[in-house]
């Protein structure tokens, strides 16, 4: 059985772009790698495949990538 890693990401501000979120959480090694993951269809936002690299991710949304789930939460 595959174990899924869950990351809680505290959001600063109104939103973060999808590629920046993947890089900030360490899911992608670089911004270019994050953009490639999105372009290849490997990323889901709230259960739906997302192909927009700079999609705005807001508090309450869940981003899933192979083996990792990122829960975006309202920051301080």
C-alpha atoms as a PDB file:
ATOM      1  CA  UNK A   1       0.000   0.000   0.000  1.00  0.00           C
ATOM      2  CA  UNK A   2       1.398   3.385  -1.009  1.00  0.00           C
ATOM      3  CA  UNK A   3       1.650   5.997   1.710  1.00  0.00           C
ATOM      4  CA  UNK A   4       0.608   9.512   0.737  1.00  0.00           C
ATOM      5  CA  UNK A   5       2.535  12.383   2.274  1.00  0.00           C
ATOM      6  CA  UNK A   6       0.350  15.291   3.388  1.00  0.00           C
ATOM      7  CA  UNK A   7       1.774  18.797   3.608  1.00  0.00           C
ATOM      8  CA  UNK A   8      -0.097  21.650   5.295  1.00  0.00           C
ATOM      9  CA  UNK A   9       0.935  24.904   3.606  1.00  0.00           C
ATOM     10  CA  UNK A  10       0.162  28.176   5.432  1.00  0.00           C
ATOM     11  CA  UNK A  11      -0.768  30.750   2.795  1.00  0.00           C
ATOM     12  CA  UNK A  12       0.585  34.279   3.110  1.00  0.00           C
ATOM     13  CA  UNK A  13      -1.579  36.656   1.137  1.00  0.00           C
ATOM     14  CA  UNK A  14      -4.608  35.971  -1.037  1.00  0.00           C
ATOM     15  CA  UNK A  15      -3.133  33.268  -3.300  1.00  0.00           C
ATOM     16  CA  UNK A  16       0.008  31.514  -4.562  1.00  0.00           C
ATOM     17  CA  UNK A  17       0.568  30.308  -8.107  1.00  0.00           C
ATOM     18  CA  UNK A  18       0.544  26.562  -8.641  1.00  0.00           C
ATOM     19  CA  UNK A  19       4.151  26.347  -9.838  1.00  0.00           C
ATOM     20  CA  UNK A  20       5.381  28.456  -6.893  1.00  0.00           C
ATOM     21  CA  UNK A  21       3.466  26.229  -4.454  1.00  0.00           C
ATOM     22  CA  UNK A  22       5.054  23.053  -5.810  1.00  0.00           C
ATOM     23  CA  UNK A  23       8.506  24.603  -5.492  1.00  0.00           C
ATOM     24  CA  UNK A  24       7.841  26.060  -2.011  1.00  0.00           C
ATOM     25  CA  UNK A  25       6.704  22.667  -0.698  1.00  0.00           C
ATOM     26  CA  UNK A  26       9.738  20.885  -2.139  1.00  0.00           C
ATOM     27  CA  UNK A  27       7.658  18.757  -4.513  1.00  0.00           C
ATOM     28  CA  UNK A  28       9.602  20.230  -7.447  1.00  0.00           C
ATOM     29  CA  UNK A  29      13.320  21.015  -7.372  1.00  0.00           C
ATOM     30  CA  UNK A  30      12.908  24.208  -9.399  1.00  0.00           C
ATOM     31  CA  UNK A  31      10.310  26.443 -10.957  1.00  0.00           C
ATOM     32  CA  UNK A  32      11.024  24.877 -14.337  1.00  0.00           C
ATOM     33  CA  UNK A  33      10.497  21.388 -12.935  1.00  0.00           C
ATOM     34  CA  UNK A  34       7.208  22.521 -11.363  1.00  0.00           C
ATOM     35  CA  UNK A  35       5.996  23.951 -14.671  1.00  0.00           C
ATOM     36  CA  UNK A  36       6.937  20.722 -16.455  1.00  0.00           C
ATOM     37  CA  UNK A  37       4.978  18.627 -13.919  1.00  0.00           C
ATOM     38  CA  UNK A  38       1.880  20.750 -14.523  1.00  0.00           C
ATOM     39  CA  UNK A  39       2.313  20.695 -18.315  1.00  0.00           C
ATOM     40  CA  UNK A  40       2.621  16.880 -18.244  1.00  0.00           C
ATOM     41  CA  UNK A  41      -0.733  16.592 -16.446  1.00  0.00           C
ATOM     42  CA  UNK A  42       0.712  15.216 -13.200  1.00  0.00           C
ATOM     43  CA  UNK A  43      -0.993  17.760 -10.923  1.00  0.00           C
ATOM     44  CA  UNK A  44      -4.570  17.874  -9.638  1.00  0.00           C
ATOM     45  CA  UNK A  45      -6.308  20.743  -7.870  1.00  0.00           C
ATOM     46  CA  UNK A  46      -9.379  19.772  -5.846  1.00  0.00           C
ATOM     47  CA  UNK A  47      -9.503  16.414  -7.638  1.00  0.00           C
ATOM     48  CA  UNK A  48      -9.373  17.833 -11.179  1.00  0.00           C
ATOM     49  CA  UNK A  49      -6.369  17.784 -13.503  1.00  0.00           C
ATOM     50  CA  UNK A  50      -4.845  21.270 -13.761  1.00  0.00           C
ATOM     51  CA  UNK A  51      -2.787  22.305 -16.790  1.00  0.00           C
ATOM     52  CA  UNK A  52      -2.407  26.026 -16.011  1.00  0.00           C
ATOM     53  CA  UNK A  53       1.063  26.538 -14.513  1.00  0.00           C
ATOM     54  CA  UNK A  54       0.196  29.842 -12.875  1.00  0.00           C
ATOM     55  CA  UNK A  55      -3.271  28.874 -11.662  1.00  0.00           C
ATOM     56  CA  UNK A  56      -4.079  30.837  -8.482  1.00  0.00           C
ATOM     57  CA  UNK A  57      -4.295  28.535  -5.466  1.00  0.00           C
ATOM     58  CA  UNK A  58      -6.241  29.870  -2.487  1.00  0.00           C
ATOM     59  CA  UNK A  59      -6.811  28.766   1.104  1.00  0.00           C
ATOM     60  CA  UNK A  60      -8.999  25.673   1.354  1.00  0.00           C
ATOM     61  CA  UNK A  61      -7.798  24.081  -1.878  1.00  0.00           C
ATOM     62  CA  UNK A  62      -5.991  20.740  -2.081  1.00  0.00           C
ATOM     63  CA  UNK A  63      -3.236  20.093  -4.616  1.00  0.00           C
ATOM     64  CA  UNK A  64      -2.238  16.495  -5.374  1.00  0.00           C
ATOM     65  CA  UNK A  65       0.907  15.265  -7.107  1.00  0.00           C
ATOM     66  CA  UNK A  66       2.169  11.677  -7.243  1.00  0.00           C
ATOM     67  CA  UNK A  67       2.441  10.535  -3.625  1.00  0.00           C
ATOM     68  CA  UNK A  68       1.897  13.991  -2.124  1.00  0.00           C
ATOM     69  CA  UNK A  69      -1.152  15.997  -1.118  1.00  0.00           C
ATOM     70  CA  UNK A  70      -0.806  19.691  -0.228  1.00  0.00           C
ATOM     71  CA  UNK A  71      -3.551  21.311   1.859  1.00  0.00           C
ATOM     72  CA  UNK A  72      -3.450  25.084   1.510  1.00  0.00           C
ATOM     73  CA  UNK A  73      -4.530  26.821   4.698  1.00  0.00           C
ATOM     74  CA  UNK A  74      -5.150  30.436   5.605  1.00  0.00           C
ATOM     75  CA  UNK A  75      -1.985  31.932   7.030  1.00  0.00           C
ATOM     76  CA  UNK A  76      -1.464  34.020  10.148  1.00  0.00           C
END
